[in-house]
């Protein structure tokens, strides 16, 4: 029997109000999960230090090789996205998000700038539903939109995709197995949906083919962050 810890396929969203809180959260969840996610708010406020603090705290908890998911959702002209990707190369993120709607050239520039990072194309935000996509003038159902944008992103060099749990099964049917499917909008049974319009439980998302679950408030919004991470992680491991 291996002594190697079996980390659950969870990226905890460290949407903390300050660096000390981020450090505490990262240290608390590191024994249980594979990945920590540093988002736009923390990165704009604290810059590279946000990633350094999260990684150091996880290492202090005994998880020296935790993945860092840098969730910046880059969306600009291709040259600007290339420059932005290069600016975070020293952080060595496992994942860096860009918007699929930025187009194939933009995605390719990011992928070429960071060949050792999985450029992760965000298809359709989980806060959007079919009424909102129609209002934005985007044709098709959310599942159809996600499928179109996923194919475009993969052809352009993305090696991971972000989609809601409601689209993950349809993507898994045609996406190569080495492409990671990442699902936000994960809510344990009985938890509040908050601003997630297309949500599912961890068990359902994994059964449908997700590789990594993004979970924030159901963990970090609890009085004991470590215990919350441990409980949800237990639900994500094979029986």
Protein backbone atom coordinates (compact mmCIF):
# COMPACT_ATOMS: atom_id res chain seq x y z
CA UNK A 1 0.00 0.00 0.00
CA UNK A 2 1.42 3.37 -1.03
CA UNK A 3 2.07 6.09 1.55
CA UNK A 4 1.60 8.77 -1.13
CA UNK A 5 -1.33 11.05 -0.21
CA UNK A 6 -4.36 10.66 -2.47
CA UNK A 7 -5.34 14.23 -3.17
CA UNK A 8 -8.88 14.80 -4.37
CA UNK A 9 -9.38 16.31 -7.87
CA UNK A 10 -10.39 19.69 -6.44
CA UNK A 11 -9.07 23.19 -7.08
CA UNK A 12 -10.00 25.34 -4.10
CA UNK A 13 -10.79 28.91 -5.12
CA UNK A 14 -8.76 31.08 -2.74
CA UNK A 15 -10.88 34.20 -3.15
CA UNK A 16 -9.56 35.62 0.10
CA UNK A 17 -9.79 39.27 1.23
CA UNK A 18 -6.08 39.45 2.07
CA UNK A 19 -2.85 37.46 1.93
CA UNK A 20 -2.91 36.18 5.54
CA UNK A 21 -6.36 34.69 4.98
CA UNK A 22 -5.24 33.19 1.68
CA UNK A 23 -2.26 31.61 3.42
CA UNK A 24 -4.46 30.15 6.15
CA UNK A 25 -6.90 28.71 3.62
CA UNK A 26 -4.16 27.21 1.45
CA UNK A 27 -2.51 25.59 4.45
CA UNK A 28 -5.85 24.19 5.66
CA UNK A 29 -6.90 22.63 2.34
CA UNK A 30 -3.50 21.42 1.09
CA UNK A 31 -3.62 18.03 2.85
CA UNK A 32 -6.80 17.14 0.99
CA UNK A 33 -6.80 18.62 -2.54
CA UNK A 34 -4.71 18.56 -5.68
CA UNK A 35 -4.83 22.22 -6.61
CA UNK A 36 -5.37 25.77 -5.37
CA UNK A 37 -6.83 28.48 -7.57
CA UNK A 38 -5.68 32.09 -7.47
CA UNK A 39 -8.20 34.34 -9.18
CA UNK A 40 -8.37 37.76 -10.74
CA UNK A 41 -9.28 39.70 -7.59
CA UNK A 42 -6.36 38.39 -5.54
CA UNK A 43 -3.90 38.68 -8.42
CA UNK A 44 -4.88 42.27 -9.19
CA UNK A 45 -4.53 43.18 -5.52
CA UNK A 46 -1.39 41.25 -4.58
CA UNK A 47 0.28 40.32 -7.88
CA UNK A 48 2.82 37.49 -7.98
CA UNK A 49 2.85 37.35 -4.18
CA UNK A 50 -0.63 35.82 -4.22
CA UNK A 51 0.72 32.74 -5.98
CA UNK A 52 3.91 32.62 -3.92
CA UNK A 53 1.94 32.80 -0.66
CA UNK A 54 -0.53 30.10 -1.68
CA UNK A 55 2.23 27.75 -2.83
CA UNK A 56 4.36 28.34 0.27
CA UNK A 57 1.43 27.72 2.61
CA UNK A 58 0.57 24.45 0.83
CA UNK A 59 4.21 23.38 1.02
CA UNK A 60 4.27 24.18 4.73
CA UNK A 61 1.32 21.81 5.14
CA UNK A 62 3.31 19.03 3.48
CA UNK A 63 2.04 19.32 -0.09
CA UNK A 64 5.21 20.38 -1.90
CA UNK A 65 3.94 19.81 -5.43
CA UNK A 66 0.47 21.30 -5.29
CA UNK A 67 -0.79 22.57 -8.64
CA UNK A 68 -1.51 26.28 -8.98
CA UNK A 69 -4.46 27.26 -11.16
CA UNK A 70 -3.97 30.90 -12.20
CA UNK A 71 -7.44 32.02 -13.16
CA UNK A 72 -6.95 35.35 -14.94
CA UNK A 73 -9.34 34.70 -17.86
CA UNK A 74 -7.20 36.67 -20.28
CA UNK A 75 -9.13 38.23 -23.16
CA UNK A 76 -7.45 40.82 -25.35
CA UNK A 77 -5.70 41.15 -28.68
CA UNK A 78 -3.30 38.26 -29.34
CA UNK A 79 -0.08 40.23 -28.78
CA UNK A 80 -1.28 41.54 -25.43
CA UNK A 81 -2.30 38.07 -24.26
CA UNK A 82 1.10 36.70 -25.31
CA UNK A 83 2.79 39.40 -23.22
CA UNK A 84 0.51 38.78 -20.25
CA UNK A 85 1.19 35.03 -20.40
CA UNK A 86 4.93 35.63 -20.52
CA UNK A 87 4.67 37.91 -17.50
CA UNK A 88 3.49 35.02 -15.31
CA UNK A 89 5.89 32.40 -16.67
CA UNK A 90 8.10 32.59 -13.57
CA UNK A 91 5.14 31.48 -11.44
CA UNK A 92 5.00 28.17 -13.30
CA UNK A 93 1.22 27.75 -13.09
CA UNK A 94 -0.18 24.34 -13.95
CA UNK A 95 -3.18 26.07 -15.54
CA UNK A 96 -3.74 29.57 -16.93
CA UNK A 97 -7.18 30.58 -18.13
CA UNK A 98 -8.04 32.53 -21.25
CA UNK A 99 -11.48 33.18 -22.73
CA UNK A 100 -12.31 30.90 -25.66
CA UNK A 101 -14.34 33.78 -27.11
CA UNK A 102 -11.08 35.69 -27.62
CA UNK A 103 -10.52 33.62 -30.74
CA UNK A 104 -8.02 31.05 -32.02
CA UNK A 105 -5.10 33.40 -32.64
CA UNK A 106 -5.27 34.71 -29.07
CA UNK A 107 -5.34 31.18 -27.64
CA UNK A 108 -2.42 30.11 -29.82
CA UNK A 109 -0.33 33.06 -28.64
CA UNK A 110 -0.92 32.09 -25.00
CA UNK A 111 -0.13 28.42 -25.67
CA UNK A 112 3.11 29.28 -27.45
CA UNK A 113 4.15 31.70 -24.72
CA UNK A 114 3.70 29.10 -21.95
CA UNK A 115 4.36 25.65 -23.45
CA UNK A 116 4.73 23.98 -20.04
CA UNK A 117 1.39 25.31 -18.75
CA UNK A 118 -2.01 23.95 -19.68
CA UNK A 119 -3.65 26.91 -21.36
CA UNK A 120 -7.22 26.55 -20.20
CA UNK A 121 -10.01 27.92 -22.36
CA UNK A 122 -13.06 29.18 -20.50
CA UNK A 123 -16.04 28.34 -22.67
CA UNK A 124 -19.22 29.86 -21.23
CA UNK A 125 -19.25 31.33 -17.73
CA UNK A 126 -21.32 29.28 -15.29
CA UNK A 127 -23.09 32.48 -14.24
CA UNK A 128 -24.74 32.66 -17.70
CA UNK A 129 -27.87 30.81 -18.78
CA UNK A 130 -29.74 30.54 -22.08
CA UNK A 131 -31.75 33.74 -21.50
CA UNK A 132 -28.56 35.72 -21.02
CA UNK A 133 -26.75 34.20 -24.00
CA UNK A 134 -29.73 35.11 -26.21
CA UNK A 135 -29.63 38.66 -24.87
CA UNK A 136 -25.94 38.78 -25.79
CA UNK A 137 -26.75 37.68 -29.34
CA UNK A 138 -24.99 34.31 -29.09
CA UNK A 139 -26.76 31.64 -31.15
CA UNK A 140 -27.62 28.25 -29.72
CA UNK A 141 -28.13 26.62 -26.36
CA UNK A 142 -25.35 26.79 -23.74
CA UNK A 143 -24.38 23.21 -24.64
CA UNK A 144 -24.10 24.09 -28.34
CA UNK A 145 -22.08 27.24 -27.60
CA UNK A 146 -19.72 25.37 -25.32
CA UNK A 147 -19.19 22.66 -27.91
CA UNK A 148 -18.36 25.13 -30.68
CA UNK A 149 -15.99 27.15 -28.56
CA UNK A 150 -14.33 24.02 -27.16
CA UNK A 151 -13.45 22.72 -30.61
CA UNK A 152 -12.08 26.09 -31.62
CA UNK A 153 -9.94 26.33 -28.49
CA UNK A 154 -8.50 22.84 -28.79
CA UNK A 155 -7.59 23.40 -32.43
CA UNK A 156 -5.79 26.58 -31.33
CA UNK A 157 -3.64 24.83 -28.72
CA UNK A 158 -5.62 24.80 -25.46
CA UNK A 159 -4.98 21.72 -23.31
CA UNK A 160 -7.78 22.19 -20.81
CA UNK A 161 -11.33 23.49 -20.94
CA UNK A 162 -13.60 25.10 -18.38
CA UNK A 163 -17.28 24.25 -18.72
CA UNK A 164 -20.25 23.88 -16.42
CA UNK A 165 -21.15 20.44 -15.07
CA UNK A 166 -24.11 20.41 -17.45
CA UNK A 167 -21.83 20.32 -20.50
CA UNK A 168 -19.02 18.10 -19.26
CA UNK A 169 -20.54 14.80 -20.45
CA UNK A 170 -21.11 16.05 -23.99
CA UNK A 171 -17.54 17.42 -24.14
CA UNK A 172 -16.02 14.23 -22.74
CA UNK A 173 -17.64 12.35 -25.61
CA UNK A 174 -15.35 14.00 -28.17
CA UNK A 175 -12.52 15.68 -26.25
CA UNK A 176 -9.25 13.66 -26.11
CA UNK A 177 -8.53 12.02 -22.77
CA UNK A 178 -5.36 14.08 -22.25
CA UNK A 179 -7.39 17.31 -22.31
CA UNK A 180 -8.48 18.26 -18.80
CA UNK A 181 -12.11 19.20 -18.27
CA UNK A 182 -12.49 21.62 -15.38
CA UNK A 183 -15.88 22.36 -13.87
CA UNK A 184 -16.77 25.30 -11.66
CA UNK A 185 -20.30 25.62 -10.35
CA UNK A 186 -19.79 22.68 -7.99
CA UNK A 187 -22.15 22.63 -5.05
CA UNK A 188 -22.49 19.75 -2.58
CA UNK A 189 -26.04 18.53 -2.06
CA UNK A 190 -27.97 21.09 -0.03
CA UNK A 191 -25.51 23.94 -0.57
CA UNK A 192 -26.65 27.31 -1.90
CA UNK A 193 -26.06 27.92 -5.61
CA UNK A 194 -25.10 31.60 -5.08
CA UNK A 195 -24.37 33.10 -8.52
CA UNK A 196 -23.90 29.75 -10.28
CA UNK A 197 -26.67 29.14 -12.82
CA UNK A 198 -25.47 25.75 -14.14
CA UNK A 199 -24.34 23.76 -11.12
CA UNK A 200 -24.02 20.14 -9.99
CA UNK A 201 -22.76 18.04 -7.11
CA UNK A 202 -19.12 16.88 -7.06
CA UNK A 203 -20.13 13.24 -7.50
CA UNK A 204 -22.23 13.97 -10.60
CA UNK A 205 -19.58 16.13 -12.27
CA UNK A 206 -16.90 13.46 -11.79
CA UNK A 207 -19.23 10.72 -13.03
CA UNK A 208 -19.86 12.74 -16.18
CA UNK A 209 -16.13 13.00 -16.93
CA UNK A 210 -14.72 16.06 -15.15
CA UNK A 211 -11.01 15.93 -14.30
CA UNK A 212 -10.90 18.83 -11.84
CA UNK A 213 -13.61 20.51 -9.77
CA UNK A 214 -13.40 24.18 -8.82
CA UNK A 215 -14.92 24.71 -5.39
CA UNK A 216 -14.85 27.94 -3.42
CA UNK A 217 -17.48 29.05 -0.95
CA UNK A 218 -18.68 25.56 0.08
CA UNK A 219 -15.15 25.18 1.49
CA UNK A 220 -13.79 28.63 2.24
CA UNK A 221 -17.12 29.94 3.51
CA UNK A 222 -17.24 27.38 6.30
CA UNK A 223 -16.08 28.01 9.90
CA UNK A 224 -13.52 25.16 9.65
CA UNK A 225 -12.05 25.35 6.15
CA UNK A 226 -9.86 22.29 6.55
CA UNK A 227 -12.70 20.08 7.74
CA UNK A 228 -14.93 21.29 4.91
CA UNK A 229 -12.22 20.46 2.36
CA UNK A 230 -11.68 17.05 3.92
CA UNK A 231 -15.39 16.21 3.83
CA UNK A 232 -15.88 17.23 0.20
CA UNK A 233 -12.64 15.52 -0.81
CA UNK A 234 -13.90 12.27 0.71
CA UNK A 235 -16.96 12.47 -1.56
CA UNK A 236 -14.70 12.85 -4.60
CA UNK A 237 -12.51 9.78 -4.05
CA UNK A 238 -13.39 6.37 -5.46
CA UNK A 239 -15.14 4.10 -2.98
